[in-house]
Amino acid sequence: MNEPLLLIPFFVAIFLALNMGASGTAPAFAAAYGAKLIKKSSIPILFGLFVLLGAFLAGGKVSSTVGKEILSSEFLNLQTTSIILLAVSISLAFANWFKIPQSTSQATVFSVAACAIFYKSFEGNKLFVQIIPAWFILPLVSFAFMLLVGKFLFKEKAEDIEAQQKPRLPLVKLIVLVSSCYVAFAIGANNVGNIVGPLASMVKNQESFEAASLSFSLVTNIAVFIIAPYFGLGSAFLGSKVAKSTGRNIVRINPGEAVTIAILTASLLLFASVTEGIPSSLVQLNTGAIFGLAISKYGWRKVFNNHSNRVIWIVWFIAPLISFILTGLMLILARFIGLL
């Protein structure tokens, strides 16, 4: 294998990281942005920094899941890894085009699963016993929690709450800022592994490459420092539009609600990341919480009859399927032209 060809999947990974940075900005900072407590220009810097910290300190288990436990790592060669990352990139670009935050984890897992089926090496225990149940349970927990909190704790009108908090606005801003950075840390712990897991396995499979003799965890950490900064760049280019779509178009959010949503969703994601290494959807945790809050304020009918909200559900369903189908088609094409 010509070693410079290894740059191809890394370039694709950078493109994916840019899209993931845009999509991930919403669950990290949509609540703060929706509450008008942070400037748009400050989001990319803080987001990128804490994504890097989360990936380095707490992202190892998710990288292992994506890189070794759904598809046997021996099949993650240069061509297959490039196809996975490209398919996920296209599906996320599709969601970002509609300004809808999309689950990078679901798109990645669907793509890896398509490869596993193609190579007849599908290892479904982790997927069906842990990952897919978590995709349903965690957003429902987030939704139910904020529905109850909205009904029984946040009863005051938004105007009254804002008036009470105005004298303490600097402290409120600090609390919301810390909670948003906590969410970005959780994104790093989970979402970066969707990229670096396949990359690390690919590098380990290149016997002529010097890094092949290194441990999987060390190769993963090297990939983290290469890829994670591009999350911040993606946030700078596209993230504010996605944050606005989620934070302000669904429900008006006050500072107390913003902090509650941030801490709740980040904690659920970190739990999934550090316990079983489950690639989970923070964007769906976040949006589920916001839906719960919106229903507590406006009722079920008004929220679900909203056109923007219906578009979110449709894109969530379509984007992972695009990733799965594209992966399968590109694998078939690659085999047909002799690349596999």
Foldseek 3Di string as FASTA:
>chain_A
DPVVLLVLLVVLLLLLLLLLLQLLLQLLCLQVVLQVLDDLVPSLVLLLVLLLVLQQPAAPQLLCCLQDPFAHLLPLASLLSSLLSNLLSVLSVVCLVVLFREASLLLNSLLSNLVCVVVVNGRCCCPPVPAVVLQPPLLVVLLVVLLVCLQPPVPDDLVVVCVVCVVVSVVLSVLLNVLSSLLSSLCSNAVVSSNLSSSLSNQLNPVVHPCVPPDSSVSSSVSSVSRSSSSSVSCSPRNVSSSCLQNNVQDRHHSVLSSVLSNSLSVSSSCCCRPNSHRYGSSSSSSSNSLSNSCSPPNDVVRVVDPSNVVNVVSRVVSSVSSNVSSNVSVVVCVVVPVD
